[in-house]
Amino acid sequence: MQSNATTVEQYLAELPEDRRSAIQAVREVILRNLDKNYEEGVQYGMIGYYVPHRVFPAGYHCDPKQPLCFAGIASQKSHMSLYLMCVYGNPQHEAWFRQAWKKTGKKLDMGKSCVRFKKVDDLALDVIGESIRRVPAKKYLEHYQAAMQARDERTAAKKAGAKAKARVAKKAGVKKATGRRR
């Protein structure tokens, strides 16, 4: 459930005690391992860790007013969530993460970037800490920018392919909508 809190302290104060202590334990692990070029705050209605505009002025590509999200912790209706953008979209880091988690013997309940948990004992906190530590802001930005460049190149190639196809069809005298000759 999205919170209207504007500070981390406010967010934590809104939580029931059991969830507050679980979220606080995860938060402490993140803060101990977080690179100095990330900041903590409330983002998207949860506790967020992000690359601030002072480090990456362009911000998040979907909403440049927002700093680039790196991780987040949230209390949802039926569980708590840890969002790890450093795992999402990075196959090598994801493979390491899943393998390291498996070695702990704990069950991993994970979506694309979201690790769901009901209590802090469900988590492999050492793996979470190492995952955060392995991706300093500079490395995260390099990966993010490479992914955005690859996306832009794919988009440009698709557009160029569509234009070329339209030119060929026009030369052949084929109507676009029906496929019939003129």
Protein backbone atom coordinates (compact mmCIF):
# COMPACT_ATOMS: atom_id res chain seq x y z
CA MET A 1 0.00 0.00 0.00
CA GLN A 2 1.41 3.34 -1.01
CA SER A 3 2.13 5.74 1.82
CA ASN A 4 1.66 9.52 1.79
CA ALA A 5 4.64 9.97 4.12
CA THR A 6 7.18 12.54 3.00
CA THR A 7 10.07 11.39 5.23
CA VAL A 8 11.53 8.02 6.12
CA GLU A 9 10.77 8.67 9.79
CA GLN A 10 7.12 9.39 8.95
CA TYR A 11 6.93 6.23 6.83
CA LEU A 12 8.31 4.09 9.65
CA ALA A 13 6.03 5.71 12.25
CA GLU A 14 2.95 4.73 10.19
CA LEU A 15 3.83 1.02 10.33
CA PRO A 16 2.67 -1.52 12.90
CA GLU A 17 5.53 -2.48 15.26
CA ASP A 18 6.25 -5.90 13.70
CA ARG A 19 6.54 -4.42 10.21
CA ARG A 20 8.47 -1.41 11.46
CA SER A 21 11.14 -3.62 13.01
CA ALA A 22 11.39 -5.78 9.85
CA ILE A 23 11.61 -2.78 7.53
CA GLN A 24 14.12 -1.14 9.89
CA ALA A 25 16.33 -4.27 9.85
CA VAL A 26 16.40 -4.29 6.04
CA ARG A 27 17.00 -0.53 6.01
CA GLU A 28 20.01 -0.89 8.31
CA VAL A 29 21.54 -3.54 6.04
CA ILE A 30 21.04 -1.31 3.01
CA LEU A 31 22.49 1.78 4.71
CA ARG A 32 25.57 -0.14 5.92
CA ASN A 33 26.33 -1.25 2.35
CA LEU A 34 25.12 1.73 0.32
CA ASP A 35 27.59 3.72 -1.79
CA LYS A 36 27.97 7.39 -0.77
CA ASN A 37 26.56 8.55 -4.12
CA TYR A 38 23.11 7.15 -3.34
CA GLU A 39 20.59 8.88 -1.09
CA GLU A 40 17.72 7.64 1.04
CA GLY A 41 14.29 9.24 1.01
CA VAL A 42 10.66 8.57 0.23
CA GLN A 43 10.05 7.79 -3.41
CA TYR A 44 6.96 6.27 -5.03
CA GLY A 45 5.25 5.98 -1.63
CA MET A 46 7.99 3.83 -0.05
CA ILE A 47 11.45 4.16 1.42
CA GLY A 48 13.70 4.61 -1.58
CA TYR A 49 17.39 4.60 -2.38
CA TYR A 50 18.30 6.50 -5.50
CA VAL A 51 20.96 8.26 -7.53
CA PRO A 52 20.24 11.93 -6.77
CA HIS A 53 20.20 14.64 -9.42
CA ARG A 54 23.50 16.03 -8.09
CA VAL A 55 25.12 12.79 -9.32
CA PHE A 56 22.88 12.08 -12.34
CA PRO A 57 21.11 15.27 -13.47
CA ALA A 58 19.11 13.46 -16.19
CA GLY A 59 17.10 11.54 -13.57
CA TYR A 60 14.80 8.64 -14.35
CA HIS A 61 14.04 8.43 -18.08
CA CYS A 62 10.27 7.99 -17.59
CA ASP A 63 10.08 11.01 -15.27
CA PRO A 64 13.27 13.11 -15.31
CA LYS A 65 12.02 15.08 -12.28
CA GLN A 66 12.53 11.88 -10.26
CA PRO A 67 16.02 10.74 -9.27
CA LEU A 68 17.06 7.34 -10.63
CA CYS A 69 15.68 4.60 -8.35
CA PHE A 70 18.14 1.96 -7.13
CA ALA A 71 16.23 0.13 -4.38
CA GLY A 72 13.13 0.45 -2.23
CA ILE A 73 11.43 -1.05 0.80
CA ALA A 74 7.66 -1.11 1.15
CA SER A 75 4.94 -2.43 3.40
CA GLN A 76 2.22 -3.88 1.18
CA LYS A 77 -1.21 -5.19 2.13
CA SER A 78 -0.26 -8.85 2.63
CA HIS A 79 3.56 -8.70 2.69
CA MET A 80 6.60 -6.46 2.66
CA SER A 81 8.72 -5.89 -0.42
CA LEU A 82 12.32 -5.12 -1.19
CA TYR A 83 12.82 -3.73 -4.69
CA LEU A 84 16.31 -4.25 -6.10
CA MET A 85 16.72 -2.47 -9.41
CA CYS A 86 20.38 -3.51 -9.40
CA VAL A 87 19.19 -7.10 -9.87
CA TYR A 88 16.43 -6.31 -12.40
CA GLY A 89 17.74 -6.10 -15.94
CA ASN A 90 21.24 -7.32 -15.08
CA PRO A 91 21.42 -11.06 -15.84
CA GLN A 92 24.86 -11.55 -14.26
CA HIS A 93 23.91 -9.84 -11.02
CA GLU A 94 20.56 -11.65 -10.93
CA ALA A 95 22.27 -15.04 -11.42
CA TRP A 96 24.72 -14.24 -8.61
CA PHE A 97 21.87 -13.05 -6.36
CA ARG A 98 19.71 -16.15 -6.89
CA GLN A 99 22.67 -18.49 -6.41
CA ALA A 100 23.87 -16.73 -3.25
CA TRP A 101 20.32 -16.75 -1.83
CA LYS A 102 19.92 -20.47 -2.59
CA LYS A 103 23.11 -21.22 -0.63
CA THR A 104 21.48 -19.74 2.49
CA GLY A 105 18.72 -22.37 2.41
CA LYS A 106 16.03 -19.68 2.58
CA LYS A 107 13.14 -19.64 0.13
CA LEU A 108 13.30 -16.77 -2.35
CA ASP A 109 9.94 -15.22 -3.28
CA MET A 110 10.97 -12.89 -6.07
CA GLY A 111 9.44 -11.19 -9.09
CA LYS A 112 11.47 -9.13 -11.55
CA SER A 113 12.98 -6.79 -8.98
CA CYS A 114 10.76 -7.46 -5.98
CA VAL A 115 11.70 -9.75 -3.08
CA ARG A 116 8.53 -10.40 -1.07
CA PHE A 117 8.68 -11.34 2.61
CA LYS A 118 6.38 -11.65 5.63
CA LYS A 119 9.04 -11.37 8.34
CA VAL A 120 12.70 -10.43 8.48
CA ASP A 121 13.66 -14.07 9.19
CA ASP A 122 12.51 -14.90 5.62
CA LEU A 123 15.37 -12.81 4.26
CA ALA A 124 19.01 -13.56 3.55
CA LEU A 125 20.17 -10.20 4.90
CA ASP A 126 23.84 -10.90 4.15
CA VAL A 127 22.99 -11.54 0.48
CA ILE A 128 20.94 -8.34 0.33
CA GLY A 129 23.82 -6.37 1.84
CA GLU A 130 26.33 -7.86 -0.57
CA SER A 131 23.99 -7.20 -3.50
CA ILE A 132 23.77 -3.52 -2.54
CA ARG A 133 27.53 -3.27 -1.91
CA ARG A 134 28.41 -4.84 -5.29
CA VAL A 135 26.72 -2.04 -7.22
CA PRO A 136 28.14 1.41 -6.45
CA ALA A 137 26.35 4.31 -8.13
CA LYS A 138 28.98 4.65 -10.88
CA LYS A 139 28.56 1.02 -11.90
CA TYR A 140 24.76 1.26 -11.71
CA LEU A 141 24.76 4.37 -13.90
CA GLU A 142 27.02 2.70 -16.49
CA HIS A 143 24.63 -0.25 -16.71
CA TYR A 144 21.56 2.00 -16.81
CA GLN A 145 22.95 4.24 -19.54
CA ALA A 146 24.05 1.25 -21.63
CA ALA A 147 20.55 -0.24 -21.31
CA MET A 148 18.96 3.07 -22.34
CA GLN A 149 21.30 3.38 -25.33
CA ALA A 150 20.51 -0.19 -26.43
CA ARG A 151 16.79 0.56 -26.08
CA ASP A 152 17.15 3.72 -28.18
CA GLU A 153 19.08 1.81 -30.85
CA ARG A 154 16.40 -0.90 -31.01
CA THR A 155 13.70 1.77 -31.34
CA ALA A 156 15.62 3.55 -34.13
CA ALA A 157 16.18 0.25 -35.96
CA LYS A 158 12.47 -0.60 -35.77
CA LYS A 159 11.53 2.83 -37.12
CA ALA A 160 14.10 2.56 -39.92
CA GLY A 161 12.80 -0.91 -40.79
CA ALA A 162 9.20 0.31 -40.89
CA LYS A 163 10.15 3.25 -43.12
CA ALA A 164 12.09 0.99 -45.50
CA LYS A 165 9.17 -1.43 -45.68
CA ALA A 166 6.79 1.45 -46.49
CA ARG A 167 9.11 2.69 -49.27
CA VAL A 168 9.27 -0.78 -50.82
CA ALA A 169 5.50 -1.12 -50.64
CA LYS A 170 5.03 2.32 -52.20
CA LYS A 171 7.38 1.45 -55.08
CA ALA A 172 5.48 -1.78 -55.63
CA GLY A 173 2.24 0.20 -55.75
CA VAL A 174 0.72 -1.59 -52.76
CA LYS A 175 -1.84 0.24 -50.66
CA LYS A 176 -0.85 0.25 -46.99
CA ALA A 177 -4.20 -0.66 -45.43
CA THR A 178 -5.46 -3.33 -47.81
CA GLY A 179 -2.33 -4.73 -49.37
CA ARG A 180 -3.98 -4.40 -52.82
CA ARG A 181 -2.25 -2.89 -55.81
CA ARG A 182 -3.32 0.58 -56.87
